PDB file of all heavy atoms in Angstrom:
ATOM      1  N   GLU A   1      -5.752   5.963 -21.845  1.00  0.00           N
ATOM      2  CA  GLU A   1      -6.872   5.013 -21.925  1.00  0.00           C
ATOM      3  C   GLU A   1      -7.516   4.829 -20.554  1.00  0.00           C
ATOM      4  O   GLU A   1      -8.740   4.764 -20.442  1.00  0.00           O
ATOM      5  CB  GLU A   1      -6.380   3.642 -22.414  1.00  0.00           C
ATOM      6  CG  GLU A   1      -6.023   3.587 -23.887  1.00  0.00           C
ATOM      7  CD  GLU A   1      -5.387   2.241 -24.256  1.00  0.00           C
ATOM      8  OE1 GLU A   1      -4.567   1.727 -23.471  1.00  0.00           O
ATOM      9  OE2 GLU A   1      -5.723   1.717 -25.324  1.00  0.00           O
ATOM     10  N   LEU A   2      -6.668   4.726 -19.541  1.00  0.00           N
ATOM     11  CA  LEU A   2      -7.161   4.555 -18.172  1.00  0.00           C
ATOM     12  C   LEU A   2      -8.059   5.727 -17.782  1.00  0.00           C
ATOM     13  O   LEU A   2      -9.163   5.540 -17.267  1.00  0.00           O
ATOM     14  CB  LEU A   2      -5.985   4.432 -17.199  1.00  0.00           C
ATOM     15  CG  LEU A   2      -6.327   4.374 -15.705  1.00  0.00           C
ATOM     16  CD1 LEU A   2      -7.191   3.167 -15.362  1.00  0.00           C
ATOM     17  CD2 LEU A   2      -5.045   4.372 -14.880  1.00  0.00           C
ATOM     18  N   ARG A   3      -7.595   6.936 -18.046  1.00  0.00           N
ATOM     19  CA  ARG A   3      -8.382   8.132 -17.702  1.00  0.00           C
ATOM     20  C   ARG A   3      -9.698   8.171 -18.486  1.00  0.00           C
ATOM     21  O   ARG A   3     -10.744   8.538 -17.944  1.00  0.00           O
ATOM     22  CB  ARG A   3      -7.560   9.396 -17.948  1.00  0.00           C
ATOM     23  CG  ARG A   3      -6.415   9.544 -16.933  1.00  0.00           C
ATOM     24  CD  ARG A   3      -5.539  10.745 -17.230  1.00  0.00           C
ATOM     25  NE  ARG A   3      -6.287  11.989 -17.092  1.00  0.00           N
ATOM     26  CZ  ARG A   3      -6.496  12.621 -15.929  1.00  0.00           C
ATOM     27  NH1 ARG A   3      -5.983  12.138 -14.815  1.00  0.00           N
ATOM     28  NH2 ARG A   3      -7.186  13.736 -15.894  1.00  0.00           N
ATOM     29  N   ASN A   4      -9.670   7.747 -19.752  1.00  0.00           N
ATOM     30  CA  ASN A   4     -10.893   7.708 -20.561  1.00  0.00           C
ATOM     31  C   ASN A   4     -11.884   6.678 -20.037  1.00  0.00           C
ATOM     32  O   ASN A   4     -13.087   6.952 -19.939  1.00  0.00           O
ATOM     33  CB  ASN A   4     -10.569   7.417 -22.031  1.00  0.00           C
ATOM     34  CG  ASN A   4      -9.904   8.590 -22.724  1.00  0.00           C
ATOM     35  OD1 ASN A   4     -10.021   9.738 -22.294  1.00  0.00           O
ATOM     36  ND2 ASN A   4      -9.183   8.316 -23.791  1.00  0.00           N
ATOM     37  N   ARG A   5     -11.392   5.479 -19.704  1.00  0.00           N
ATOM     38  CA  ARG A   5     -12.261   4.426 -19.160  1.00  0.00           C
ATOM     39  C   ARG A   5     -12.852   4.872 -17.823  1.00  0.00           C
ATOM     40  O   ARG A   5     -14.023   4.610 -17.527  1.00  0.00           O
ATOM     41  CB  ARG A   5     -11.473   3.119 -18.966  1.00  0.00           C
ATOM     42  CG  ARG A   5     -11.086   2.399 -20.230  1.00  0.00           C
ATOM     43  CD  ARG A   5     -12.189   1.540 -20.808  1.00  0.00           C
ATOM     44  NE  ARG A   5     -12.549   0.421 -19.963  1.00  0.00           N
ATOM     45  CZ  ARG A   5     -11.914  -0.736 -19.911  1.00  0.00           C
ATOM     46  NH1 ARG A   5     -10.859  -0.947 -20.661  1.00  0.00           N
ATOM     47  NH2 ARG A   5     -12.334  -1.695 -19.115  1.00  0.00           N
ATOM     48  N   TRP A   6     -12.030   5.507 -17.004  1.00  0.00           N
ATOM     49  CA  TRP A   6     -12.483   5.997 -15.698  1.00  0.00           C
ATOM     50  C   TRP A   6     -13.612   7.007 -15.893  1.00  0.00           C
ATOM     51  O   TRP A   6     -14.635   6.937 -15.217  1.00  0.00           O
ATOM     52  CB  TRP A   6     -11.292   6.628 -14.965  1.00  0.00           C
ATOM     53  CG  TRP A   6     -11.503   6.859 -13.502  1.00  0.00           C
ATOM     54  CD1 TRP A   6     -11.109   6.044 -12.489  1.00  0.00           C
ATOM     55  CD2 TRP A   6     -12.120   7.995 -12.879  1.00  0.00           C
ATOM     56  NE1 TRP A   6     -11.453   6.595 -11.268  1.00  0.00           N
ATOM     57  CE2 TRP A   6     -12.074   7.790 -11.480  1.00  0.00           C
ATOM     58  CE3 TRP A   6     -12.722   9.164 -13.369  1.00  0.00           C
ATOM     59  CZ2 TRP A   6     -12.603   8.701 -10.569  1.00  0.00           C
ATOM     60  CZ3 TRP A   6     -13.251  10.074 -12.446  1.00  0.00           C
ATOM     61  CH2 TRP A   6     -13.186   9.835 -11.079  1.00  0.00           C
ATOM     62  N   ALA A   7     -13.409   7.931 -16.822  1.00  0.00           N
ATOM     63  CA  ALA A   7     -14.427   8.959 -17.096  1.00  0.00           C
ATOM     64  C   ALA A   7     -15.737   8.330 -17.563  1.00  0.00           C
ATOM     65  O   ALA A   7     -16.815   8.755 -17.149  1.00  0.00           O
ATOM     66  CB  ALA A   7     -13.897   9.945 -18.145  1.00  0.00           C
ATOM     67  N   GLN A   8     -15.648   7.305 -18.407  1.00  0.00           N
ATOM     68  CA  GLN A   8     -16.859   6.607 -18.877  1.00  0.00           C
ATOM     69  C   GLN A   8     -17.565   5.918 -17.718  1.00  0.00           C
ATOM     70  O   GLN A   8     -18.787   6.014 -17.588  1.00  0.00           O
ATOM     71  CB  GLN A   8     -16.497   5.553 -19.930  1.00  0.00           C
ATOM     72  CG  GLN A   8     -16.134   6.120 -21.287  1.00  0.00           C
ATOM     73  CD  GLN A   8     -15.634   5.030 -22.241  1.00  0.00           C
ATOM     74  OE1 GLN A   8     -15.237   3.941 -21.818  1.00  0.00           O
ATOM     75  NE2 GLN A   8     -15.639   5.333 -23.521  1.00  0.00           N
ATOM     76  N   ALA A   9     -16.799   5.228 -16.878  1.00  0.00           N
ATOM     77  CA  ALA A   9     -17.388   4.448 -15.783  1.00  0.00           C
ATOM     78  C   ALA A   9     -18.045   5.347 -14.742  1.00  0.00           C
ATOM     79  O   ALA A   9     -19.128   5.044 -14.247  1.00  0.00           O
ATOM     80  CB  ALA A   9     -16.323   3.563 -15.132  1.00  0.00           C
ATOM     81  N   TRP A  10     -17.378   6.446 -14.394  1.00  0.00           N
ATOM     82  CA  TRP A  10     -17.867   7.309 -13.310  1.00  0.00           C
ATOM     83  C   TRP A  10     -18.729   8.461 -13.796  1.00  0.00           C
ATOM     84  O   TRP A  10     -19.386   9.128 -13.007  1.00  0.00           O
ATOM     85  CB  TRP A  10     -16.694   7.861 -12.491  1.00  0.00           C
ATOM     86  CG  TRP A  10     -16.064   6.821 -11.627  1.00  0.00           C
ATOM     87  CD1 TRP A  10     -15.026   6.009 -11.955  1.00  0.00           C
ATOM     88  CD2 TRP A  10     -16.441   6.457 -10.304  1.00  0.00           C
ATOM     89  NE1 TRP A  10     -14.728   5.164 -10.907  1.00  0.00           N
ATOM     90  CE2 TRP A  10     -15.583   5.424  -9.878  1.00  0.00           C
ATOM     91  CE3 TRP A  10     -17.423   6.923  -9.426  1.00  0.00           C
ATOM     92  CZ2 TRP A  10     -15.670   4.834  -8.614  1.00  0.00           C
ATOM     93  CZ3 TRP A  10     -17.508   6.332  -8.174  1.00  0.00           C
ATOM     94  CH2 TRP A  10     -16.647   5.304  -7.781  1.00  0.00           C
ATOM     95  N   GLY A  11     -18.690   8.738 -15.112  1.00  0.00           N
ATOM     96  CA  GLY A  11     -19.503   9.822 -15.655  1.00  0.00           C
ATOM     97  C   GLY A  11     -18.960  11.198 -15.334  1.00  0.00           C
ATOM     98  O   GLY A  11     -19.694  12.179 -15.347  1.00  0.00           O
ATOM     99  N   LEU A  12     -17.665  11.267 -15.019  1.00  0.00           N
ATOM    100  CA  LEU A  12     -17.012  12.559 -14.806  1.00  0.00           C
ATOM    101  C   LEU A  12     -15.519  12.418 -15.090  1.00  0.00           C
ATOM    102  O   LEU A  12     -14.991  11.314 -15.079  1.00  0.00           O
ATOM    103  CB  LEU A  12     -17.253  13.085 -13.390  1.00  0.00           C
ATOM    104  CG  LEU A  12     -16.986  12.157 -12.215  1.00  0.00           C
ATOM    105  CD1 LEU A  12     -15.756  12.605 -11.441  1.00  0.00           C
ATOM    106  CD2 LEU A  12     -18.193  12.160 -11.292  1.00  0.00           C
ATOM    107  N   LYS A  13     -14.879  13.539 -15.367  1.00  0.00           N
ATOM    108  CA  LYS A  13     -13.449  13.505 -15.668  1.00  0.00           C
ATOM    109  C   LYS A  13     -12.636  13.361 -14.387  1.00  0.00           C
ATOM    110  O   LYS A  13     -12.909  14.037 -13.402  1.00  0.00           O
ATOM    111  CB  LYS A  13     -13.026  14.797 -16.376  1.00  0.00           C
ATOM    112  CG  LYS A  13     -13.241  14.809 -17.863  1.00  0.00           C
ATOM    113  CD  LYS A  13     -12.359  15.888 -18.489  1.00  0.00           C
ATOM    114  CE  LYS A  13     -12.327  15.865 -19.985  1.00  0.00           C
ATOM    115  NZ  LYS A  13     -12.131  14.568 -20.606  1.00  0.00           N
ATOM    116  N   PRO A  14     -11.626  12.474 -14.401  1.00  0.00           N
ATOM    117  CA  PRO A  14     -10.791  12.360 -13.211  1.00  0.00           C
ATOM    118  C   PRO A  14      -9.931  13.613 -13.036  1.00  0.00           C
ATOM    119  O   PRO A  14      -9.493  14.208 -14.019  1.00  0.00           O
ATOM    120  CB  PRO A  14      -9.924  11.138 -13.493  1.00  0.00           C
ATOM    121  CG  PRO A  14      -9.894  11.017 -14.975  1.00  0.00           C
ATOM    122  CD  PRO A  14     -11.206  11.574 -15.466  1.00  0.00           C
ATOM    123  N   HIS A  15      -9.714  14.017 -11.811  1.00  0.00           N
ATOM    124  CA  HIS A  15      -8.846  15.163 -11.524  1.00  0.00           C
ATOM    125  C   HIS A  15      -7.453  14.869 -12.053  1.00  0.00           C
ATOM    126  O   HIS A  15      -6.974  13.744 -11.958  1.00  0.00           O
ATOM    127  CB  HIS A  15      -8.809  15.409 -10.016  1.00  0.00           C
ATOM    128  CG  HIS A  15      -8.193  16.716  -9.642  1.00  0.00           C
ATOM    129  ND1 HIS A  15      -6.835  16.915  -9.635  1.00  0.00           N
ATOM    130  CD2 HIS A  15      -8.758  17.897  -9.293  1.00  0.00           C
ATOM    131  CE1 HIS A  15      -6.578  18.164  -9.288  1.00  0.00           C
ATOM    132  NE2 HIS A  15      -7.741  18.783  -9.073  1.00  0.00           N
ATOM    133  N   LYS A  16      -6.792  15.870 -12.617  1.00  0.00           N
ATOM    134  CA  LYS A  16      -5.510  15.599 -13.274  1.00  0.00           C
ATOM    135  C   LYS A  16      -4.410  15.156 -12.319  1.00  0.00           C
ATOM    136  O   LYS A  16      -3.410  14.593 -12.743  1.00  0.00           O
ATOM    137  CB  LYS A  16      -5.053  16.809 -14.086  1.00  0.00           C
ATOM    138  CG  LYS A  16      -4.713  18.042 -13.284  1.00  0.00           C
ATOM    139  CD  LYS A  16      -4.317  19.188 -14.215  1.00  0.00           C
ATOM    140  CE  LYS A  16      -4.074  20.454 -13.430  1.00  0.00           C
ATOM    141  NZ  LYS A  16      -3.866  21.599 -14.305  1.00  0.00           N
ATOM    142  N   TYR A  17      -4.596  15.365 -11.020  1.00  0.00           N
ATOM    143  CA  TYR A  17      -3.561  14.963 -10.063  1.00  0.00           C
ATOM    144  C   TYR A  17      -3.849  13.633  -9.359  1.00  0.00           C
ATOM    145  O   TYR A  17      -3.101  13.245  -8.473  1.00  0.00           O
ATOM    146  CB  TYR A  17      -3.337  16.063  -9.017  1.00  0.00           C
ATOM    147  CG  TYR A  17      -2.765  17.316  -9.631  1.00  0.00           C
ATOM    148  CD1 TYR A  17      -3.421  18.525  -9.525  1.00  0.00           C
ATOM    149  CD2 TYR A  17      -1.565  17.272 -10.345  1.00  0.00           C
ATOM    150  CE1 TYR A  17      -2.898  19.689 -10.106  1.00  0.00           C
ATOM    151  CE2 TYR A  17      -1.037  18.423 -10.929  1.00  0.00           C
ATOM    152  CZ  TYR A  17      -1.705  19.614 -10.803  1.00  0.00           C
ATOM    153  OH  TYR A  17      -1.185  20.740 -11.382  1.00  0.00           O
ATOM    154  N   ILE A  18      -4.931  12.946  -9.745  1.00  0.00           N
ATOM    155  CA  ILE A  18      -5.174  11.623  -9.152  1.00  0.00           C
ATOM    156  C   ILE A  18      -4.101  10.674  -9.659  1.00  0.00           C
ATOM    157  O   ILE A  18      -3.848  10.593 -10.857  1.00  0.00           O
ATOM    158  CB  ILE A  18      -6.574  11.070  -9.512  1.00  0.00           C
ATOM    159  CG1 ILE A  18      -7.679  11.941  -8.919  1.00  0.00           C
ATOM    160  CG2 ILE A  18      -6.721   9.630  -8.995  1.00  0.00           C
ATOM    161  CD1 ILE A  18      -9.084  11.443  -9.245  1.00  0.00           C
ATOM    162  N   ARG A  19      -3.469   9.964  -8.741  1.00  0.00           N
ATOM    163  CA  ARG A  19      -2.403   9.037  -9.123  1.00  0.00           C
ATOM    164  C   ARG A  19      -2.956   7.823  -9.852  1.00  0.00           C
ATOM    165  O   ARG A  19      -4.082   7.402  -9.614  1.00  0.00           O
ATOM    166  CB  ARG A  19      -1.648   8.561  -7.888  1.00  0.00           C
ATOM    167  CG  ARG A  19      -0.874   9.682  -7.270  1.00  0.00           C
ATOM    168  CD  ARG A  19       0.081   9.138  -6.254  1.00  0.00           C
ATOM    169  NE  ARG A  19       0.933  10.231  -5.810  1.00  0.00           N
ATOM    170  CZ  ARG A  19       1.719  10.167  -4.761  1.00  0.00           C
ATOM    171  NH1 ARG A  19       1.773   9.070  -4.051  1.00  0.00           N
ATOM    172  NH2 ARG A  19       2.460  11.191  -4.429  1.00  0.00           N
ATOM    173  N   ARG A  20      -2.114   7.252 -10.706  1.00  0.00           N
ATOM    174  CA  ARG A  20      -2.497   6.087 -11.497  1.00  0.00           C
ATOM    175  C   ARG A  20      -3.038   4.964 -10.614  1.00  0.00           C
ATOM    176  O   ARG A  20      -4.063   4.353 -10.926  1.00  0.00           O
ATOM    177  CB  ARG A  20      -1.289   5.591 -12.301  1.00  0.00           C
ATOM    178  CG  ARG A  20      -1.644   4.340 -13.059  1.00  0.00           C
ATOM    179  CD  ARG A  20      -0.688   3.902 -14.118  1.00  0.00           C
ATOM    180  NE  ARG A  20      -1.346   2.776 -14.763  1.00  0.00           N
ATOM    181  CZ  ARG A  20      -1.690   2.729 -16.023  1.00  0.00           C
ATOM    182  NH1 ARG A  20      -1.380   3.713 -16.832  1.00  0.00           N
ATOM    183  NH2 ARG A  20      -2.329   1.691 -16.518  1.00  0.00           N
ATOM    184  N   ASN A  21      -2.359   4.691  -9.504  1.00  0.00           N
ATOM    185  CA  ASN A  21      -2.780   3.617  -8.605  1.00  0.00           C
ATOM    186  C   ASN A  21      -4.216   3.809  -8.122  1.00  0.00           C
ATOM    187  O   ASN A  21      -5.011   2.871  -8.074  1.00  0.00           O
ATOM    188  CB  ASN A  21      -1.804   3.559  -7.423  1.00  0.00           C
ATOM    189  CG  ASN A  21      -2.050   2.379  -6.521  1.00  0.00           C
ATOM    190  OD1 ASN A  21      -2.379   1.291  -6.988  1.00  0.00           O
ATOM    191  ND2 ASN A  21      -1.898   2.587  -5.242  1.00  0.00           N
ATOM    192  N   MET A  22      -4.554   5.057  -7.779  1.00  0.00           N
ATOM    193  CA  MET A  22      -5.908   5.353  -7.301  1.00  0.00           C
ATOM    194  C   MET A  22      -6.921   5.224  -8.438  1.00  0.00           C
ATOM    195  O   MET A  22      -8.031   4.716  -8.228  1.00  0.00           O
ATOM    196  CB  MET A  22      -5.925   6.772  -6.720  1.00  0.00           C
ATOM    197  CG  MET A  22      -7.125   7.060  -5.869  1.00  0.00           C
ATOM    198  SD  MET A  22      -7.144   6.012  -4.396  1.00  0.00           S
ATOM    199  CE  MET A  22      -8.892   5.708  -4.287  1.00  0.00           C
ATOM    200  N   LEU A  23      -6.549   5.669  -9.632  1.00  0.00           N
ATOM    201  CA  LEU A  23      -7.433   5.519 -10.793  1.00  0.00           C
ATOM    202  C   LEU A  23      -7.711   4.039 -11.055  1.00  0.00           C
ATOM    203  O   LEU A  23      -8.850   3.650 -11.296  1.00  0.00           O
ATOM    204  CB  LEU A  23      -6.805   6.151 -12.044  1.00  0.00           C
ATOM    205  CG  LEU A  23      -6.769   7.678 -12.105  1.00  0.00           C
ATOM    206  CD1 LEU A  23      -5.882   8.131 -13.251  1.00  0.00           C
ATOM    207  CD2 LEU A  23      -8.167   8.260 -12.253  1.00  0.00           C
ATOM    208  N   GLU A  24      -6.655   3.229 -10.998  1.00  0.00           N
ATOM    209  CA  GLU A  24      -6.808   1.784 -11.245  1.00  0.00           C
ATOM    210  C   GLU A  24      -7.747   1.160 -10.227  1.00  0.00           C
ATOM    211  O   GLU A  24      -8.665   0.421 -10.586  1.00  0.00           O
ATOM    212  CB  GLU A  24      -5.451   1.074 -11.185  1.00  0.00           C
ATOM    213  CG  GLU A  24      -4.570   1.355 -12.384  1.00  0.00           C
ATOM    214  CD  GLU A  24      -3.213   0.655 -12.305  1.00  0.00           C
ATOM    215  OE1 GLU A  24      -2.955  -0.076 -11.327  1.00  0.00           O
ATOM    216  OE2 GLU A  24      -2.412   0.837 -13.242  1.00  0.00           O
TER     217      GLU A  24
END
């Protein structure tokens, strides 16, 4: 869910190695 919300907010897919803390 976090990765999906991030992608919606930023308009791009997060890199698969970005840590959860940085995504948050």
